[in-house]
Amino acid sequence: IQDLWRTLDELRPYFPLLRKKHAQGSLLVSNC
């Protein structure tokens, strides 16, 4: 599970961009 926590920390700076993309109308999809 540490691989998951490490990846979340690496992506954390881009969370505002994810929220912006969604607000702009992008369909967000995730696997697994």
PDB file of all heavy atoms in Angstrom:
ATOM      1  N   ILE A   1       0.805  -1.210   0.000  1.00  0.00           N
ATOM      2  CA  ILE A   1       0.000   0.000   0.000  1.00  0.00           C
ATOM      3  C   ILE A   1       0.845   1.269   0.000  1.00  0.00           C
ATOM      4  O   ILE A   1       0.375   2.347  -0.391  1.00  0.00           O
ATOM      5  CB  ILE A   1      -0.957  -0.027   1.212  1.00  0.00           C
ATOM      6  CG1 ILE A   1      -2.182   0.847   0.946  1.00  0.00           C
ATOM      7  CG2 ILE A   1      -0.253   0.382   2.490  1.00  0.00           C
ATOM      8  CD1 ILE A   1      -3.116   0.274  -0.081  1.00  0.00           C
ATOM      9  N   GLN A   2       2.113   1.171   0.400  1.00  0.00           N
ATOM     10  CA  GLN A   2       2.982   2.351   0.405  1.00  0.00           C
ATOM     11  C   GLN A   2       3.176   2.915  -0.992  1.00  0.00           C
ATOM     12  O   GLN A   2       3.398   4.121  -1.158  1.00  0.00           O
ATOM     13  CB  GLN A   2       4.334   2.010   1.041  1.00  0.00           C
ATOM     14  CG  GLN A   2       4.250   1.677   2.528  1.00  0.00           C
ATOM     15  CD  GLN A   2       3.551   2.763   3.330  1.00  0.00           C
ATOM     16  OE1 GLN A   2       3.818   3.957   3.144  1.00  0.00           O
ATOM     17  NE2 GLN A   2       2.637   2.375   4.211  1.00  0.00           N
ATOM     18  N   ASP A   3       3.094   2.055  -2.014  1.00  0.00           N
ATOM     19  CA  ASP A   3       3.184   2.541  -3.393  1.00  0.00           C
ATOM     20  C   ASP A   3       2.035   3.505  -3.702  1.00  0.00           C
ATOM     21  O   ASP A   3       2.198   4.479  -4.445  1.00  0.00           O
ATOM     22  CB  ASP A   3       3.139   1.371  -4.381  1.00  0.00           C
ATOM     23  CG  ASP A   3       4.440   0.588  -4.419  1.00  0.00           C
ATOM     24  OD1 ASP A   3       5.469   1.138  -3.986  1.00  0.00           O
ATOM     25  OD2 ASP A   3       4.422  -0.567  -4.881  1.00  0.00           O
ATOM     26  N   LEU A   4       0.884   3.218  -3.132  1.00  0.00           N
ATOM     27  CA  LEU A   4      -0.285   4.069  -3.348  1.00  0.00           C
ATOM     28  C   LEU A   4      -0.104   5.417  -2.663  1.00  0.00           C
ATOM     29  O   LEU A   4      -0.311   6.466  -3.279  1.00  0.00           O
ATOM     30  CB  LEU A   4      -1.539   3.371  -2.824  1.00  0.00           C
ATOM     31  CG  LEU A   4      -2.850   4.152  -2.909  1.00  0.00           C
ATOM     32  CD1 LEU A   4      -3.154   4.576  -4.335  1.00  0.00           C
ATOM     33  CD2 LEU A   4      -3.996   3.328  -2.336  1.00  0.00           C
ATOM     34  N   TRP A   5       0.299   5.400  -1.391  1.00  0.00           N
ATOM     35  CA  TRP A   5       0.467   6.669  -0.667  1.00  0.00           C
ATOM     36  C   TRP A   5       1.552   7.527  -1.326  1.00  0.00           C
ATOM     37  O   TRP A   5       1.394   8.751  -1.419  1.00  0.00           O
ATOM     38  CB  TRP A   5       0.840   6.414   0.787  1.00  0.00           C
ATOM     39  CG  TRP A   5      -0.084   5.522   1.559  1.00  0.00           C
ATOM     40  CD1 TRP A   5       0.260   4.646   2.543  1.00  0.00           C
ATOM     41  CD2 TRP A   5      -1.522   5.400   1.444  1.00  0.00           C
ATOM     42  NE1 TRP A   5      -0.839   3.994   3.041  1.00  0.00           N
ATOM     43  CE2 TRP A   5      -1.946   4.440   2.378  1.00  0.00           C
ATOM     44  CE3 TRP A   5      -2.473   6.005   0.630  1.00  0.00           C
ATOM     45  CZ2 TRP A   5      -3.276   4.078   2.535  1.00  0.00           C
ATOM     46  CZ3 TRP A   5      -3.806   5.638   0.766  1.00  0.00           C
ATOM     47  CH2 TRP A   5      -4.202   4.700   1.705  1.00  0.00           C
ATOM     48  N   ARG A   6       2.625   6.900  -1.790  1.00  0.00           N
ATOM     49  CA  ARG A   6       3.706   7.652  -2.428  1.00  0.00           C
ATOM     50  C   ARG A   6       3.219   8.300  -3.727  1.00  0.00           C
ATOM     51  O   ARG A   6       3.533   9.470  -4.011  1.00  0.00           O
ATOM     52  CB  ARG A   6       4.897   6.741  -2.703  1.00  0.00           C
ATOM     53  CG  ARG A   6       6.109   7.486  -3.271  1.00  0.00           C
ATOM     54  CD  ARG A   6       7.334   6.605  -3.358  1.00  0.00           C
ATOM     55  NE  ARG A   6       7.140   5.463  -4.238  1.00  0.00           N
ATOM     56  CZ  ARG A   6       6.968   4.210  -3.802  1.00  0.00           C
ATOM     57  NH1 ARG A   6       6.957   3.946  -2.511  1.00  0.00           N
ATOM     58  NH2 ARG A   6       6.790   3.225  -4.662  1.00  0.00           N
ATOM     59  N   THR A   7       2.434   7.574  -4.513  1.00  0.00           N
ATOM     60  CA  THR A   7       1.920   8.130  -5.771  1.00  0.00           C
ATOM     61  C   THR A   7       0.959   9.281  -5.501  1.00  0.00           C
ATOM     62  O   THR A   7       0.976  10.305  -6.202  1.00  0.00           O
ATOM     63  CB  THR A   7       1.219   7.035  -6.595  1.00  0.00           C
ATOM     64  OG1 THR A   7       2.162   5.999  -6.901  1.00  0.00           O
ATOM     65  CG2 THR A   7       0.663   7.595  -7.898  1.00  0.00           C
ATOM     66  N   LEU A   8       0.118   9.142  -4.492  1.00  0.00           N
ATOM     67  CA  LEU A   8      -0.800  10.234  -4.147  1.00  0.00           C
ATOM     68  C   LEU A   8      -0.031  11.495  -3.768  1.00  0.00           C
ATOM     69  O   LEU A   8      -0.398  12.610  -4.165  1.00  0.00           O
ATOM     70  CB  LEU A   8      -1.723   9.811  -3.004  1.00  0.00           C
ATOM     71  CG  LEU A   8      -2.757   8.728  -3.330  1.00  0.00           C
ATOM     72  CD1 LEU A   8      -3.577   8.396  -2.083  1.00  0.00           C
ATOM     73  CD2 LEU A   8      -3.669   9.139  -4.474  1.00  0.00           C
ATOM     74  N   ASP A   9       1.037  11.317  -3.014  1.00  0.00           N
ATOM     75  CA  ASP A   9       1.849  12.477  -2.627  1.00  0.00           C
ATOM     76  C   ASP A   9       2.505  13.127  -3.844  1.00  0.00           C
ATOM     77  O   ASP A   9       2.599  14.355  -3.940  1.00  0.00           O
ATOM     78  CB  ASP A   9       2.924  12.060  -1.615  1.00  0.00           C
ATOM     79  CG  ASP A   9       2.343  11.799  -0.231  1.00  0.00           C
ATOM     80  OD1 ASP A   9       1.239  12.300   0.054  1.00  0.00           O
ATOM     81  OD2 ASP A   9       2.983  11.085   0.552  1.00  0.00           O
ATOM     82  N   GLU A  10       2.961  12.290  -4.795  1.00  0.00           N
ATOM     83  CA  GLU A  10       3.596  12.822  -6.003  1.00  0.00           C
ATOM     84  C   GLU A  10       2.599  13.596  -6.867  1.00  0.00           C
ATOM     85  O   GLU A  10       2.962  14.581  -7.525  1.00  0.00           O
ATOM     86  CB  GLU A  10       4.210  11.676  -6.810  1.00  0.00           C
ATOM     87  CG  GLU A  10       5.414  11.018  -6.132  1.00  0.00           C
ATOM     88  CD  GLU A  10       5.868   9.763  -6.858  1.00  0.00           C
ATOM     89  OE1 GLU A  10       5.158   9.328  -7.794  1.00  0.00           O
ATOM     90  OE2 GLU A  10       6.910   9.197  -6.471  1.00  0.00           O
ATOM     91  N   LEU A  11       1.345  13.158  -6.870  1.00  0.00           N
ATOM     92  CA  LEU A  11       0.328  13.806  -7.700  1.00  0.00           C
ATOM     93  C   LEU A  11      -0.376  14.960  -6.993  1.00  0.00           C
ATOM     94  O   LEU A  11      -1.094  15.740  -7.643  1.00  0.00           O
ATOM     95  CB  LEU A  11      -0.718  12.772  -8.141  1.00  0.00           C
ATOM     96  CG  LEU A  11      -0.224  11.673  -9.085  1.00  0.00           C
ATOM     97  CD1 LEU A  11      -1.337  10.685  -9.377  1.00  0.00           C
ATOM     98  CD2 LEU A  11       0.305  12.263 -10.383  1.00  0.00           C
ATOM     99  N   ARG A  12      -0.173  15.100  -5.701  1.00  0.00           N
ATOM    100  CA  ARG A  12      -0.889  16.108  -4.919  1.00  0.00           C
ATOM    101  C   ARG A  12      -0.787  17.530  -5.509  1.00  0.00           C
ATOM    102  O   ARG A  12      -1.786  18.270  -5.518  1.00  0.00           O
ATOM    103  CB  ARG A  12      -0.388  16.084  -3.472  1.00  0.00           C
ATOM    104  CG  ARG A  12      -1.317  16.791  -2.479  1.00  0.00           C
ATOM    105  CD  ARG A  12      -0.872  16.544  -1.045  1.00  0.00           C
ATOM    106  NE  ARG A  12      -0.767  15.130  -0.759  1.00  0.00           N
ATOM    107  CZ  ARG A  12      -1.779  14.356  -0.438  1.00  0.00           C
ATOM    108  NH1 ARG A  12      -2.994  14.883  -0.378  1.00  0.00           N
ATOM    109  NH2 ARG A  12      -1.611  13.067  -0.190  1.00  0.00           N
ATOM    110  N   PRO A  13       0.391  17.954  -6.010  1.00  0.00           N
ATOM    111  CA  PRO A  13       0.473  19.314  -6.578  1.00  0.00           C
ATOM    112  C   PRO A  13      -0.450  19.537  -7.772  1.00  0.00           C
ATOM    113  O   PRO A  13      -0.729  20.693  -8.140  1.00  0.00           O
ATOM    114  CB  PRO A  13       1.945  19.436  -6.994  1.00  0.00           C
ATOM    115  CG  PRO A  13       2.668  18.443  -6.140  1.00  0.00           C
ATOM    116  CD  PRO A  13       1.714  17.297  -5.982  1.00  0.00           C
ATOM    117  N   TYR A  14      -0.944  18.442  -8.381  1.00  0.00           N
ATOM    118  CA  TYR A  14      -1.766  18.564  -9.577  1.00  0.00           C
ATOM    119  C   TYR A  14      -3.253  18.395  -9.285  1.00  0.00           C
ATOM    120  O   TYR A  14      -4.074  18.425 -10.209  1.00  0.00           O
ATOM    121  CB  TYR A  14      -1.306  17.542 -10.623  1.00  0.00           C
ATOM    122  CG  TYR A  14       0.154  17.687 -10.951  1.00  0.00           C
ATOM    123  CD1 TYR A  14       1.101  16.866 -10.343  1.00  0.00           C
ATOM    124  CD2 TYR A  14       0.596  18.682 -11.821  1.00  0.00           C
ATOM    125  CE1 TYR A  14       2.463  17.024 -10.609  1.00  0.00           C
ATOM    126  CE2 TYR A  14       1.945  18.850 -12.084  1.00  0.00           C
ATOM    127  CZ  TYR A  14       2.867  18.012 -11.474  1.00  0.00           C
ATOM    128  OH  TYR A  14       4.210  18.182 -11.736  1.00  0.00           O
ATOM    129  N   PHE A  15      -3.616  18.242  -8.003  1.00  0.00           N
ATOM    130  CA  PHE A  15      -5.030  18.116  -7.660  1.00  0.00           C
ATOM    131  C   PHE A  15      -5.829  19.351  -8.069  1.00  0.00           C
ATOM    132  O   PHE A  15      -6.949  19.210  -8.593  1.00  0.00           O
ATOM    133  CB  PHE A  15      -5.191  17.861  -6.158  1.00  0.00           C
ATOM    134  CG  PHE A  15      -4.760  16.478  -5.727  1.00  0.00           C
ATOM    135  CD1 PHE A  15      -4.690  16.156  -4.376  1.00  0.00           C
ATOM    136  CD2 PHE A  15      -4.431  15.497  -6.654  1.00  0.00           C
ATOM    137  CE1 PHE A  15      -4.302  14.893  -3.966  1.00  0.00           C
ATOM    138  CE2 PHE A  15      -4.038  14.233  -6.252  1.00  0.00           C
ATOM    139  CZ  PHE A  15      -3.974  13.939  -4.900  1.00  0.00           C
ATOM    140  N   PRO A  16      -5.305  20.574  -7.874  1.00  0.00           N
ATOM    141  CA  PRO A  16      -6.066  21.746  -8.345  1.00  0.00           C
ATOM    142  C   PRO A  16      -6.331  21.703  -9.853  1.00  0.00           C
ATOM    143  O   PRO A  16      -7.395  22.135 -10.316  1.00  0.00           O
ATOM    144  CB  PRO A  16      -5.172  22.927  -7.960  1.00  0.00           C
ATOM    145  CG  PRO A  16      -4.373  22.427  -6.792  1.00  0.00           C
ATOM    146  CD  PRO A  16      -4.104  20.986  -7.111  1.00  0.00           C
ATOM    147  N   LEU A  17      -5.368  21.175 -10.618  1.00  0.00           N
ATOM    148  CA  LEU A  17      -5.550  21.072 -12.062  1.00  0.00           C
ATOM    149  C   LEU A  17      -6.641  20.056 -12.399  1.00  0.00           C
ATOM    150  O   LEU A  17      -7.445  20.280 -13.305  1.00  0.00           O
ATOM    151  CB  LEU A  17      -4.227  20.681 -12.727  1.00  0.00           C
ATOM    152  CG  LEU A  17      -4.232  20.583 -14.255  1.00  0.00           C
ATOM    153  CD1 LEU A  17      -4.710  21.889 -14.888  1.00  0.00           C
ATOM    154  CD2 LEU A  17      -2.837  20.213 -14.771  1.00  0.00           C
ATOM    155  N   LEU A  18      -6.688  18.964 -11.654  1.00  0.00           N
ATOM    156  CA  LEU A  18      -7.755  17.979 -11.855  1.00  0.00           C
ATOM    157  C   LEU A  18      -9.120  18.618 -11.606  1.00  0.00           C
ATOM    158  O   LEU A  18     -10.065  18.427 -12.386  1.00  0.00           O
ATOM    159  CB  LEU A  18      -7.568  16.796 -10.898  1.00  0.00           C
ATOM    160  CG  LEU A  18      -6.665  15.648 -11.324  1.00  0.00           C
ATOM    161  CD1 LEU A  18      -6.572  14.621 -10.207  1.00  0.00           C
ATOM    162  CD2 LEU A  18      -7.173  14.989 -12.602  1.00  0.00           C
ATOM    163  N   ARG A  19      -9.209  19.351 -10.517  1.00  0.00           N
ATOM    164  CA  ARG A  19     -10.484  20.000 -10.185  1.00  0.00           C
ATOM    165  C   ARG A  19     -10.860  21.032 -11.253  1.00  0.00           C
ATOM    166  O   ARG A  19     -12.035  21.169 -11.615  1.00  0.00           O
ATOM    167  CB  ARG A  19     -10.399  20.645  -8.799  1.00  0.00           C
ATOM    168  CG  ARG A  19     -10.272  19.630  -7.663  1.00  0.00           C
ATOM    169  CD  ARG A  19     -10.441  20.287  -6.306  1.00  0.00           C
ATOM    170  NE  ARG A  19      -9.289  21.110  -5.945  1.00  0.00           N
ATOM    171  CZ  ARG A  19      -8.260  20.682  -5.225  1.00  0.00           C
ATOM    172  NH1 ARG A  19      -8.227  19.425  -4.786  1.00  0.00           N
ATOM    173  NH2 ARG A  19      -7.266  21.495  -4.928  1.00  0.00           N
ATOM    174  N   LYS A  20      -9.856  21.740 -11.784  1.00  0.00           N
ATOM    175  CA  LYS A  20     -10.110  22.733 -12.827  1.00  0.00           C
ATOM    176  C   LYS A  20     -10.610  22.054 -14.103  1.00  0.00           C
ATOM    177  O   LYS A  20     -11.566  22.523 -14.735  1.00  0.00           O
ATOM    178  CB  LYS A  20      -8.831  23.517 -13.116  1.00  0.00           C
ATOM    179  CG  LYS A  20      -8.984  24.562 -14.214  1.00  0.00           C
ATOM    180  CD  LYS A  20      -7.668  25.298 -14.457  1.00  0.00           C
ATOM    181  CE  LYS A  20      -7.805  26.308 -15.588  1.00  0.00           C
ATOM    182  NZ  LYS A  20      -6.509  27.006 -15.849  1.00  0.00           N
ATOM    183  N   LYS A  21      -9.955  20.932 -14.489  1.00  0.00           N
ATOM    184  CA  LYS A  21     -10.374  20.204 -15.693  1.00  0.00           C
ATOM    185  C   LYS A  21     -11.835  19.762 -15.563  1.00  0.00           C
ATOM    186  O   LYS A  21     -12.621  19.864 -16.512  1.00  0.00           O
ATOM    187  CB  LYS A  21      -9.478  18.991 -15.907  1.00  0.00           C
ATOM    188  CG  LYS A  21      -8.040  19.315 -16.267  1.00  0.00           C
ATOM    189  CD  LYS A  21      -7.899  19.680 -17.725  1.00  0.00           C
ATOM    190  CE  LYS A  21      -6.435  19.773 -18.141  1.00  0.00           C
ATOM    191  NZ  LYS A  21      -6.286  20.154 -19.561  1.00  0.00           N
ATOM    192  N   HIS A  22     -12.190  19.255 -14.387  1.00  0.00           N
ATOM    193  CA  HIS A  22     -13.557  18.789 -14.176  1.00  0.00           C
ATOM    194  C   HIS A  22     -14.535  19.954 -14.251  1.00  0.00           C
ATOM    195  O   HIS A  22     -15.613  19.841 -14.865  1.00  0.00           O
ATOM    196  CB  HIS A  22     -13.658  18.082 -12.822  1.00  0.00           C
ATOM    197  CG  HIS A  22     -15.005  17.477 -12.574  1.00  0.00           C
ATOM    198  ND1 HIS A  22     -15.841  17.894 -11.568  1.00  0.00           N
ATOM    199  CD2 HIS A  22     -15.663  16.480 -13.225  1.00  0.00           C
ATOM    200  CE1 HIS A  22     -16.954  17.178 -11.589  1.00  0.00           C
ATOM    201  NE2 HIS A  22     -16.875  16.312 -12.585  1.00  0.00           N
ATOM    202  N   ALA A  23     -14.168  21.067 -13.649  1.00  0.00           N
ATOM    203  CA  ALA A  23     -15.035  22.248 -13.681  1.00  0.00           C
ATOM    204  C   ALA A  23     -15.225  22.767 -15.099  1.00  0.00           C
ATOM    205  O   ALA A  23     -16.273  23.338 -15.428  1.00  0.00           O
ATOM    206  CB  ALA A  23     -14.454  23.347 -12.793  1.00  0.00           C
ATOM    207  N   GLN A  24     -14.225  22.565 -15.950  1.00  0.00           N
ATOM    208  CA  GLN A  24     -14.299  23.016 -17.338  1.00  0.00           C
ATOM    209  C   GLN A  24     -15.085  22.057 -18.226  1.00  0.00           C
ATOM    210  O   GLN A  24     -15.288  22.326 -19.408  1.00  0.00           O
ATOM    211  CB  GLN A  24     -12.884  23.196 -17.906  1.00  0.00           C
ATOM    212  CG  GLN A  24     -12.124  24.372 -17.298  1.00  0.00           C
ATOM    213  CD  GLN A  24     -10.685  24.458 -17.783  1.00  0.00           C
ATOM    214  OE1 GLN A  24     -10.105  23.451 -18.229  1.00  0.00           O
ATOM    215  NE2 GLN A  24     -10.102  25.642 -17.690  1.00  0.00           N
ATOM    216  N   GLY A  25     -15.506  20.915 -17.668  1.00  0.00           N
ATOM    217  CA  GLY A  25     -16.356  20.004 -18.425  1.00  0.00           C
ATOM    218  C   GLY A  25     -15.709  18.717 -18.879  1.00  0.00           C
ATOM    219  O   GLY A  25     -16.343  17.922 -19.586  1.00  0.00           O
ATOM    220  N   SER A  26     -14.456  18.466 -18.491  1.00  0.00           N
ATOM    221  CA  SER A  26     -13.808  17.203 -18.869  1.00  0.00           C
ATOM    222  C   SER A  26     -14.424  16.045 -18.097  1.00  0.00           C
ATOM    223  O   SER A  26     -14.697  16.156 -16.895  1.00  0.00           O
ATOM    224  CB  SER A  26     -12.305  17.255 -18.585  1.00  0.00           C
ATOM    225  OG  SER A  26     -11.652  18.185 -19.409  1.00  0.00           O
ATOM    226  N   LEU A  27     -14.637  14.936 -18.788  1.00  0.00           N
ATOM    227  CA  LEU A  27     -15.040  13.698 -18.132  1.00  0.00           C
ATOM    228  C   LEU A  27     -13.799  13.086 -17.502  1.00  0.00           C
ATOM    229  O   LEU A  27     -12.820  12.810 -18.198  1.00  0.00           O
ATOM    230  CB  LEU A  27     -15.648  12.731 -19.165  1.00  0.00           C
ATOM    231  CG  LEU A  27     -16.040  11.344 -18.660  1.00  0.00           C
ATOM    232  CD1 LEU A  27     -17.251  11.424 -17.731  1.00  0.00           C
ATOM    233  CD2 LEU A  27     -16.337  10.408 -19.839  1.00  0.00           C
ATOM    234  N   LEU A  28     -13.804  12.874 -16.188  1.00  0.00           N
ATOM    235  CA  LEU A  28     -12.663  12.275 -15.506  1.00  0.00           C
ATOM    236  C   LEU A  28     -12.920  10.795 -15.311  1.00  0.00           C
ATOM    237  O   LEU A  28     -13.976  10.397 -14.806  1.00  0.00           O
ATOM    238  CB  LEU A  28     -12.431  12.942 -14.144  1.00  0.00           C
ATOM    239  CG  LEU A  28     -12.242  14.460 -14.115  1.00  0.00           C
ATOM    240  CD1 LEU A  28     -11.865  14.915 -12.707  1.00  0.00           C
ATOM    241  CD2 LEU A  28     -11.199  14.915 -15.120  1.00  0.00           C
ATOM    242  N   VAL A  29     -11.960   9.958 -15.707  1.00  0.00           N
ATOM    243  CA  VAL A  29     -12.140   8.511 -15.569  1.00  0.00           C
ATOM    244  C   VAL A  29     -10.882   7.903 -14.957  1.00  0.00           C
ATOM    245  O   VAL A  29      -9.771   8.366 -15.201  1.00  0.00           O
ATOM    246  CB  VAL A  29     -12.453   7.843 -16.923  1.00  0.00           C
ATOM    247  CG1 VAL A  29     -13.696   8.448 -17.551  1.00  0.00           C
ATOM    248  CG2 VAL A  29     -11.286   7.957 -17.890  1.00  0.00           C
ATOM    249  N   SER A  30     -11.073   6.880 -14.142  1.00  0.00           N
ATOM    250  CA  SER A  30      -9.935   6.220 -13.502  1.00  0.00           C
ATOM    251  C   SER A  30     -10.095   4.721 -13.566  1.00  0.00           C
ATOM    252  O   SER A  30     -11.211   4.189 -13.558  1.00  0.00           O
ATOM    253  CB  SER A  30      -9.810   6.658 -12.033  1.00  0.00           C
ATOM    254  OG  SER A  30     -10.888   6.156 -11.269  1.00  0.00           O
ATOM    255  N   ASN A  31      -8.977   4.047 -13.609  1.00  0.00           N
ATOM    256  CA  ASN A  31      -8.951   2.589 -13.576  1.00  0.00           C
ATOM    257  C   ASN A  31      -8.445   2.117 -12.222  1.00  0.00           C
ATOM    258  O   ASN A  31      -7.467   2.647 -11.692  1.00  0.00           O
ATOM    259  CB  ASN A  31      -8.042   2.058 -14.690  1.00  0.00           C
ATOM    260  CG  ASN A  31      -7.716   0.580 -14.531  1.00  0.00           C
ATOM    261  OD1 ASN A  31      -6.572   0.205 -14.327  1.00  0.00           O
ATOM    262  ND2 ASN A  31      -8.726  -0.261 -14.593  1.00  0.00           N
ATOM    263  N   CYS A  32      -9.127   1.141 -11.647  1.00  0.00           N
ATOM    264  CA  CYS A  32      -8.629   0.418 -10.473  1.00  0.00           C
ATOM    265  C   CYS A  32      -8.293   1.382  -9.326  1.00  0.00           C
ATOM    266  O   CYS A  32      -9.101   2.214  -8.931  1.00  0.00           O
ATOM    267  CB  CYS A  32      -7.423  -0.411 -10.911  1.00  0.00           C
ATOM    268  SG  CYS A  32      -6.871  -1.673  -9.750  1.00  0.00           S
TER     269      CYS A  32
END
